[in-house]
Amino acid sequence: EDDFFLAWDNEYEEDDIVKIYLDFFVF
């Protein structure tokens, strides 16, 4: 995006759990 860059990474675990890792890089 204009104001930031985002890397979004998902990790699936048991019991239909998803961990979402968000890394914002803000100018």
PDB file of all heavy atoms in Angstrom:
ATOM      1  N   GLU A   1       0.828  -1.196   0.000  1.00  0.00           N
ATOM      2  CA  GLU A   1       0.000   0.000   0.000  1.00  0.00           C
ATOM      3  C   GLU A   1       0.869   1.256   0.000  1.00  0.00           C
ATOM      4  O   GLU A   1       2.094   1.187   0.141  1.00  0.00           O
ATOM      5  CB  GLU A   1      -0.915  -0.003   1.238  1.00  0.00           C
ATOM      6  CG  GLU A   1      -1.790  -1.243   1.377  1.00  0.00           C
ATOM      7  CD  GLU A   1      -2.890  -1.320   0.331  1.00  0.00           C
ATOM      8  OE1 GLU A   1      -3.214  -0.256  -0.263  1.00  0.00           O
ATOM      9  OE2 GLU A   1      -3.431  -2.422   0.117  1.00  0.00           O
ATOM     10  N   ASP A   2       0.218   2.418  -0.142  1.00  0.00           N
ATOM     11  CA  ASP A   2       0.966   3.676  -0.200  1.00  0.00           C
ATOM     12  C   ASP A   2       1.715   3.948   1.098  1.00  0.00           C
ATOM     13  O   ASP A   2       2.864   4.420   1.069  1.00  0.00           O
ATOM     14  CB  ASP A   2       0.009   4.843  -0.485  1.00  0.00           C
ATOM     15  CG  ASP A   2      -0.574   4.786  -1.895  1.00  0.00           C
ATOM     16  OD1 ASP A   2       0.050   4.137  -2.763  1.00  0.00           O
ATOM     17  OD2 ASP A   2      -1.647   5.390  -2.113  1.00  0.00           O
ATOM     18  N   ASP A   3       1.063   3.646   2.232  1.00  0.00           N
ATOM     19  CA  ASP A   3       1.645   4.005   3.531  1.00  0.00           C
ATOM     20  C   ASP A   3       2.382   2.866   4.224  1.00  0.00           C
ATOM     21  O   ASP A   3       3.102   3.101   5.189  1.00  0.00           O
ATOM     22  CB  ASP A   3       0.551   4.514   4.470  1.00  0.00           C
ATOM     23  CG  ASP A   3      -0.132   5.757   3.943  1.00  0.00           C
ATOM     24  OD1 ASP A   3       0.560   6.560   3.283  1.00  0.00           O
ATOM     25  OD2 ASP A   3      -1.337   5.920   4.173  1.00  0.00           O
ATOM     26  N   PHE A   4       2.189   1.664   3.750  1.00  0.00           N
ATOM     27  CA  PHE A   4       2.801   0.534   4.437  1.00  0.00           C
ATOM     28  C   PHE A   4       2.903  -0.674   3.505  1.00  0.00           C
ATOM     29  O   PHE A   4       2.244  -0.747   2.465  1.00  0.00           O
ATOM     30  CB  PHE A   4       2.000   0.159   5.693  1.00  0.00           C
ATOM     31  CG  PHE A   4       0.629  -0.407   5.404  1.00  0.00           C
ATOM     32  CD1 PHE A   4       0.424  -1.783   5.355  1.00  0.00           C
ATOM     33  CD2 PHE A   4      -0.457   0.427   5.179  1.00  0.00           C
ATOM     34  CE1 PHE A   4      -0.837  -2.309   5.085  1.00  0.00           C
ATOM     35  CE2 PHE A   4      -1.721  -0.086   4.917  1.00  0.00           C
ATOM     36  CZ  PHE A   4      -1.906  -1.460   4.869  1.00  0.00           C
ATOM     37  N   PHE A   5       3.720  -1.614   3.932  1.00  0.00           N
ATOM     38  CA  PHE A   5       3.855  -2.919   3.277  1.00  0.00           C
ATOM     39  C   PHE A   5       3.529  -3.963   4.331  1.00  0.00           C
ATOM     40  O   PHE A   5       3.980  -3.875   5.472  1.00  0.00           O
ATOM     41  CB  PHE A   5       5.282  -3.096   2.761  1.00  0.00           C
ATOM     42  CG  PHE A   5       5.546  -4.412   2.084  1.00  0.00           C
ATOM     43  CD1 PHE A   5       5.349  -4.568   0.724  1.00  0.00           C
ATOM     44  CD2 PHE A   5       6.000  -5.512   2.811  1.00  0.00           C
ATOM     45  CE1 PHE A   5       5.602  -5.774   0.091  1.00  0.00           C
ATOM     46  CE2 PHE A   5       6.243  -6.714   2.194  1.00  0.00           C
ATOM     47  CZ  PHE A   5       6.051  -6.853   0.830  1.00  0.00           C
ATOM     48  N   LEU A   6       2.710  -4.946   3.969  1.00  0.00           N
ATOM     49  CA  LEU A   6       2.304  -5.974   4.933  1.00  0.00           C
ATOM     50  C   LEU A   6       2.612  -7.359   4.393  1.00  0.00           C
ATOM     51  O   LEU A   6       2.210  -7.709   3.282  1.00  0.00           O
ATOM     52  CB  LEU A   6       0.807  -5.868   5.228  1.00  0.00           C
ATOM     53  CG  LEU A   6       0.177  -7.022   6.029  1.00  0.00           C
ATOM     54  CD1 LEU A   6       0.800  -7.124   7.418  1.00  0.00           C
ATOM     55  CD2 LEU A   6      -1.333  -6.844   6.143  1.00  0.00           C
ATOM     56  N   ALA A   7       3.324  -8.137   5.193  1.00  0.00           N
ATOM     57  CA  ALA A   7       3.527  -9.567   4.931  1.00  0.00           C
ATOM     58  C   ALA A   7       2.613 -10.339   5.869  1.00  0.00           C
ATOM     59  O   ALA A   7       2.687 -10.178   7.093  1.00  0.00           O
ATOM     60  CB  ALA A   7       4.987  -9.948   5.155  1.00  0.00           C
ATOM     61  N   TRP A   8       1.743 -11.180   5.287  1.00  0.00           N
ATOM     62  CA  TRP A   8       0.698 -11.909   6.030  1.00  0.00           C
ATOM     63  C   TRP A   8       0.960 -13.391   5.828  1.00  0.00           C
ATOM     64  O   TRP A   8       0.890 -13.887   4.715  1.00  0.00           O
ATOM     65  CB  TRP A   8      -0.658 -11.490   5.476  1.00  0.00           C
ATOM     66  CG  TRP A   8      -1.875 -12.184   5.998  1.00  0.00           C
ATOM     67  CD1 TRP A   8      -2.039 -13.498   6.274  1.00  0.00           C
ATOM     68  CD2 TRP A   8      -3.147 -11.567   6.276  1.00  0.00           C
ATOM     69  NE1 TRP A   8      -3.310 -13.754   6.704  1.00  0.00           N
ATOM     70  CE2 TRP A   8      -4.013 -12.585   6.705  1.00  0.00           C
ATOM     71  CE3 TRP A   8      -3.621 -10.259   6.175  1.00  0.00           C
ATOM     72  CZ2 TRP A   8      -5.335 -12.319   7.050  1.00  0.00           C
ATOM     73  CZ3 TRP A   8      -4.930 -10.010   6.529  1.00  0.00           C
ATOM     74  CH2 TRP A   8      -5.775 -11.029   6.958  1.00  0.00           C
ATOM     75  N   ASP A   9       1.263 -14.095   6.909  1.00  0.00           N
ATOM     76  CA  ASP A   9       1.619 -15.507   6.822  1.00  0.00           C
ATOM     77  C   ASP A   9       0.726 -16.312   7.758  1.00  0.00           C
ATOM     78  O   ASP A   9       0.577 -15.971   8.933  1.00  0.00           O
ATOM     79  CB  ASP A   9       3.096 -15.702   7.197  1.00  0.00           C
ATOM     80  CG  ASP A   9       3.563 -17.120   6.996  1.00  0.00           C
ATOM     81  OD1 ASP A   9       3.179 -17.741   5.990  1.00  0.00           O
ATOM     82  OD2 ASP A   9       4.311 -17.622   7.856  1.00  0.00           O
ATOM     83  N   ASN A  10       0.106 -17.373   7.241  1.00  0.00           N
ATOM     84  CA  ASN A  10      -0.783 -18.222   8.037  1.00  0.00           C
ATOM     85  C   ASN A  10      -0.110 -19.541   8.389  1.00  0.00           C
ATOM     86  O   ASN A  10       0.625 -20.110   7.569  1.00  0.00           O
ATOM     87  CB  ASN A  10      -2.063 -18.540   7.258  1.00  0.00           C
ATOM     88  CG  ASN A  10      -2.858 -17.308   6.909  1.00  0.00           C
ATOM     89  OD1 ASN A  10      -3.012 -16.405   7.725  1.00  0.00           O
ATOM     90  ND2 ASN A  10      -3.358 -17.243   5.685  1.00  0.00           N
ATOM     91  N   GLU A  11      -0.393 -20.033   9.571  1.00  0.00           N
ATOM     92  CA  GLU A  11       0.055 -21.362   9.981  1.00  0.00           C
ATOM     93  C   GLU A  11      -1.147 -22.132  10.515  1.00  0.00           C
ATOM     94  O   GLU A  11      -1.801 -21.684  11.466  1.00  0.00           O
ATOM     95  CB  GLU A  11       1.143 -21.285  11.052  1.00  0.00           C
ATOM     96  CG  GLU A  11       2.496 -20.843  10.523  1.00  0.00           C
ATOM     97  CD  GLU A  11       3.592 -20.973  11.569  1.00  0.00           C
ATOM     98  OE1 GLU A  11       3.320 -21.529  12.664  1.00  0.00           O
ATOM     99  OE2 GLU A  11       4.719 -20.516  11.297  1.00  0.00           O
ATOM    100  N   TYR A  12      -1.448 -23.261   9.897  1.00  0.00           N
ATOM    101  CA  TYR A  12      -2.589 -24.075  10.297  1.00  0.00           C
ATOM    102  C   TYR A  12      -2.165 -25.039  11.398  1.00  0.00           C
ATOM    103  O   TYR A  12      -1.125 -25.698  11.310  1.00  0.00           O
ATOM    104  CB  TYR A  12      -3.134 -24.845   9.098  1.00  0.00           C
ATOM    105  CG  TYR A  12      -4.372 -25.667   9.403  1.00  0.00           C
ATOM    106  CD1 TYR A  12      -5.632 -25.089   9.404  1.00  0.00           C
ATOM    107  CD2 TYR A  12      -4.270 -27.034   9.692  1.00  0.00           C
ATOM    108  CE1 TYR A  12      -6.767 -25.834   9.693  1.00  0.00           C
ATOM    109  CE2 TYR A  12      -5.396 -27.786   9.970  1.00  0.00           C
ATOM    110  CZ  TYR A  12      -6.641 -27.180   9.969  1.00  0.00           C
ATOM    111  OH  TYR A  12      -7.752 -27.920  10.255  1.00  0.00           O
ATOM    112  N   GLU A  13      -2.998 -25.121  12.454  1.00  0.00           N
ATOM    113  CA  GLU A  13      -2.730 -26.027  13.555  1.00  0.00           C
ATOM    114  C   GLU A  13      -3.922 -26.964  13.723  1.00  0.00           C
ATOM    115  O   GLU A  13      -4.913 -26.882  13.009  1.00  0.00           O
ATOM    116  CB  GLU A  13      -2.465 -25.239  14.838  1.00  0.00           C
ATOM    117  CG  GLU A  13      -1.260 -24.308  14.729  1.00  0.00           C
ATOM    118  CD  GLU A  13      -0.969 -23.588  16.029  1.00  0.00           C
ATOM    119  OE1 GLU A  13      -1.817 -23.637  16.949  1.00  0.00           O
ATOM    120  OE2 GLU A  13       0.099 -22.964  16.118  1.00  0.00           O
ATOM    121  N   GLU A  14      -3.847 -27.858  14.680  1.00  0.00           N
ATOM    122  CA  GLU A  14      -4.945 -28.793  14.917  1.00  0.00           C
ATOM    123  C   GLU A  14      -6.166 -28.058  15.436  1.00  0.00           C
ATOM    124  O   GLU A  14      -6.085 -26.897  15.857  1.00  0.00           O
ATOM    125  CB  GLU A  14      -4.511 -29.873  15.903  1.00  0.00           C
ATOM    126  CG  GLU A  14      -4.129 -29.351  17.265  1.00  0.00           C
ATOM    127  CD  GLU A  14      -3.664 -30.449  18.203  1.00  0.00           C
ATOM    128  OE1 GLU A  14      -3.516 -31.608  17.764  1.00  0.00           O
ATOM    129  OE2 GLU A  14      -3.474 -30.132  19.390  1.00  0.00           O
ATOM    130  N   ASP A  15      -7.327 -28.731  15.369  1.00  0.00           N
ATOM    131  CA  ASP A  15      -8.602 -28.183  15.835  1.00  0.00           C
ATOM    132  C   ASP A  15      -9.029 -26.954  15.032  1.00  0.00           C
ATOM    133  O   ASP A  15      -9.683 -26.045  15.564  1.00  0.00           O
ATOM    134  CB  ASP A  15      -8.545 -27.831  17.323  1.00  0.00           C
ATOM    135  CG  ASP A  15      -8.359 -29.050  18.207  1.00  0.00           C
ATOM    136  OD1 ASP A  15      -8.880 -30.131  17.854  1.00  0.00           O
ATOM    137  OD2 ASP A  15      -7.683 -28.932  19.245  1.00  0.00           O
ATOM    138  N   ASP A  16      -8.659 -26.927  13.749  1.00  0.00           N
ATOM    139  CA  ASP A  16      -9.050 -25.841  12.839  1.00  0.00           C
ATOM    140  C   ASP A  16      -8.620 -24.470  13.331  1.00  0.00           C
ATOM    141  O   ASP A  16      -9.312 -23.464  13.133  1.00  0.00           O
ATOM    142  CB  ASP A  16     -10.558 -25.874  12.587  1.00  0.00           C
ATOM    143  CG  ASP A  16     -10.968 -27.088  11.767  1.00  0.00           C
ATOM    144  OD1 ASP A  16     -10.300 -27.366  10.754  1.00  0.00           O
ATOM    145  OD2 ASP A  16     -11.945 -27.765  12.146  1.00  0.00           O
ATOM    146  N   ILE A  17      -7.459 -24.419  13.952  1.00  0.00           N
ATOM    147  CA  ILE A  17      -6.871 -23.163  14.408  1.00  0.00           C
ATOM    148  C   ILE A  17      -5.885 -22.662  13.360  1.00  0.00           C
ATOM    149  O   ILE A  17      -5.081 -23.432  12.825  1.00  0.00           O
ATOM    150  CB  ILE A  17      -6.165 -23.341  15.761  1.00  0.00           C
ATOM    151  CG1 ILE A  17      -7.202 -23.598  16.863  1.00  0.00           C
ATOM    152  CG2 ILE A  17      -5.322 -22.118  16.116  1.00  0.00           C
ATOM    153  CD1 ILE A  17      -6.597 -23.927  18.217  1.00  0.00           C
ATOM    154  N   VAL A  18      -5.959 -21.380  13.064  1.00  0.00           N
ATOM    155  CA  VAL A  18      -5.006 -20.735  12.171  1.00  0.00           C
ATOM    156  C   VAL A  18      -4.353 -19.584  12.923  1.00  0.00           C
ATOM    157  O   VAL A  18      -5.053 -18.735  13.493  1.00  0.00           O
ATOM    158  CB  VAL A  18      -5.678 -20.217  10.889  1.00  0.00           C
ATOM    159  CG1 VAL A  18      -4.710 -19.347  10.089  1.00  0.00           C
ATOM    160  CG2 VAL A  18      -6.164 -21.370  10.031  1.00  0.00           C
ATOM    161  N   LYS A  19      -3.030 -19.564  12.928  1.00  0.00           N
ATOM    162  CA  LYS A  19      -2.299 -18.426  13.469  1.00  0.00           C
ATOM    163  C   LYS A  19      -1.888 -17.535  12.307  1.00  0.00           C
ATOM    164  O   LYS A  19      -1.318 -17.993  11.324  1.00  0.00           O
ATOM    165  CB  LYS A  19      -1.062 -18.883  14.252  1.00  0.00           C
ATOM    166  CG  LYS A  19      -1.399 -19.420  15.633  1.00  0.00           C
ATOM    167  CD  LYS A  19      -0.170 -19.541  16.506  1.00  0.00           C
ATOM    168  CE  LYS A  19      -0.569 -19.916  17.942  1.00  0.00           C
ATOM    169  NZ  LYS A  19       0.626 -20.043  18.813  1.00  0.00           N
ATOM    170  N   ILE A  20      -2.207 -16.261  12.427  1.00  0.00           N
ATOM    171  CA  ILE A  20      -1.956 -15.287  11.369  1.00  0.00           C
ATOM    172  C   ILE A  20      -0.863 -14.343  11.846  1.00  0.00           C
ATOM    173  O   ILE A  20      -1.030 -13.611  12.821  1.00  0.00           O
ATOM    174  CB  ILE A  20      -3.240 -14.500  11.043  1.00  0.00           C
ATOM    175  CG1 ILE A  20      -4.368 -15.465  10.654  1.00  0.00           C
ATOM    176  CG2 ILE A  20      -2.989 -13.482   9.932  1.00  0.00           C
ATOM    177  CD1 ILE A  20      -5.735 -14.814  10.574  1.00  0.00           C
ATOM    178  N   TYR A  21       0.274 -14.384  11.165  1.00  0.00           N
ATOM    179  CA  TYR A  21       1.418 -13.546  11.512  1.00  0.00           C
ATOM    180  C   TYR A  21       1.430 -12.333  10.588  1.00  0.00           C
ATOM    181  O   TYR A  21       1.529 -12.470   9.364  1.00  0.00           O
ATOM    182  CB  TYR A  21       2.716 -14.332  11.388  1.00  0.00           C
ATOM    183  CG  TYR A  21       2.817 -15.489  12.360  1.00  0.00           C
ATOM    184  CD1 TYR A  21       2.309 -16.744  12.031  1.00  0.00           C
ATOM    185  CD2 TYR A  21       3.411 -15.325  13.611  1.00  0.00           C
ATOM    186  CE1 TYR A  21       2.396 -17.808  12.922  1.00  0.00           C
ATOM    187  CE2 TYR A  21       3.505 -16.391  14.509  1.00  0.00           C
ATOM    188  CZ  TYR A  21       2.994 -17.629  14.157  1.00  0.00           C
ATOM    189  OH  TYR A  21       3.074 -18.683  15.035  1.00  0.00           O
ATOM    190  N   LEU A  22       1.312 -11.154  11.191  1.00  0.00           N
ATOM    191  CA  LEU A  22       1.260  -9.912  10.428  1.00  0.00           C
ATOM    192  C   LEU A  22       2.518  -9.093  10.704  1.00  0.00           C
ATOM    193  O   LEU A  22       2.814  -8.774  11.864  1.00  0.00           O
ATOM    194  CB  LEU A  22       0.023  -9.097  10.823  1.00  0.00           C
ATOM    195  CG  LEU A  22      -1.329  -9.792  10.668  1.00  0.00           C
ATOM    196  CD1 LEU A  22      -2.426  -8.936  11.287  1.00  0.00           C
ATOM    197  CD2 LEU A  22      -1.627 -10.073   9.210  1.00  0.00           C
ATOM    198  N   ASP A  23       3.242  -8.750   9.662  1.00  0.00           N
ATOM    199  CA  ASP A  23       4.414  -7.889   9.778  1.00  0.00           C
ATOM    200  C   ASP A  23       4.189  -6.643   8.936  1.00  0.00           C
ATOM    201  O   ASP A  23       4.183  -6.698   7.701  1.00  0.00           O
ATOM    202  CB  ASP A  23       5.676  -8.621   9.313  1.00  0.00           C
ATOM    203  CG  ASP A  23       6.130  -9.677  10.306  1.00  0.00           C
ATOM    204  OD1 ASP A  23       6.457  -9.305  11.437  1.00  0.00           O
ATOM    205  OD2 ASP A  23       6.143 -10.865   9.943  1.00  0.00           O
ATOM    206  N   PHE A  24       3.985  -5.506   9.637  1.00  0.00           N
ATOM    207  CA  PHE A  24       3.798  -4.221   8.968  1.00  0.00           C
ATOM    208  C   PHE A  24       5.144  -3.514   8.836  1.00  0.00           C
ATOM    209  O   PHE A  24       5.918  -3.444   9.792  1.00  0.00           O
ATOM    210  CB  PHE A  24       2.861  -3.323   9.783  1.00  0.00           C
ATOM    211  CG  PHE A  24       1.438  -3.781   9.825  1.00  0.00           C
ATOM    212  CD1 PHE A  24       1.002  -4.655  10.813  1.00  0.00           C
ATOM    213  CD2 PHE A  24       0.522  -3.331   8.894  1.00  0.00           C
ATOM    214  CE1 PHE A  24      -0.318  -5.068  10.869  1.00  0.00           C
ATOM    215  CE2 PHE A  24      -0.809  -3.740   8.941  1.00  0.00           C
ATOM    216  CZ  PHE A  24      -1.224  -4.613   9.927  1.00  0.00           C
ATOM    217  N   PHE A  25       5.396  -2.966   7.678  1.00  0.00           N
ATOM    218  CA  PHE A  25       6.572  -2.137   7.445  1.00  0.00           C
ATOM    219  C   PHE A  25       6.052  -0.757   7.048  1.00  0.00           C
ATOM    220  O   PHE A  25       5.531  -0.565   5.947  1.00  0.00           O
ATOM    221  CB  PHE A  25       7.459  -2.744   6.365  1.00  0.00           C
ATOM    222  CG  PHE A  25       7.985  -4.109   6.729  1.00  0.00           C
ATOM    223  CD1 PHE A  25       7.238  -5.259   6.451  1.00  0.00           C
ATOM    224  CD2 PHE A  25       9.202  -4.253   7.374  1.00  0.00           C
ATOM    225  CE1 PHE A  25       7.713  -6.516   6.799  1.00  0.00           C
ATOM    226  CE2 PHE A  25       9.686  -5.514   7.727  1.00  0.00           C
ATOM    227  CZ  PHE A  25       8.938  -6.646   7.441  1.00  0.00           C
ATOM    228  N   VAL A  26       6.192   0.195   7.980  1.00  0.00           N
ATOM    229  CA  VAL A  26       5.572   1.508   7.830  1.00  0.00           C
ATOM    230  C   VAL A  26       6.646   2.550   7.548  1.00  0.00           C
ATOM    231  O   VAL A  26       7.618   2.691   8.311  1.00  0.00           O
ATOM    232  CB  VAL A  26       4.790   1.889   9.111  1.00  0.00           C
ATOM    233  CG1 VAL A  26       4.099   3.235   8.928  1.00  0.00           C
ATOM    234  CG2 VAL A  26       3.777   0.797   9.453  1.00  0.00           C
ATOM    235  N   PHE A  27       6.472   3.278   6.456  1.00  0.00           N
ATOM    236  CA  PHE A  27       7.458   4.287   6.048  1.00  0.00           C
ATOM    237  C   PHE A  27       7.389   5.490   6.982  1.00  0.00           C
ATOM    238  O   PHE A  27       6.317   6.042   7.234  1.00  0.00           O
ATOM    239  CB  PHE A  27       7.185   4.729   4.610  1.00  0.00           C
ATOM    240  CG  PHE A  27       8.257   5.597   4.027  1.00  0.00           C
ATOM    241  CD1 PHE A  27       9.549   5.114   3.886  1.00  0.00           C
ATOM    242  CD2 PHE A  27       7.972   6.897   3.634  1.00  0.00           C
ATOM    243  CE1 PHE A  27      10.551   5.913   3.342  1.00  0.00           C
ATOM    244  CE2 PHE A  27       8.959   7.704   3.096  1.00  0.00           C
ATOM    245  CZ  PHE A  27      10.261   7.209   2.942  1.00  0.00           C
TER     246      PHE A  27
END
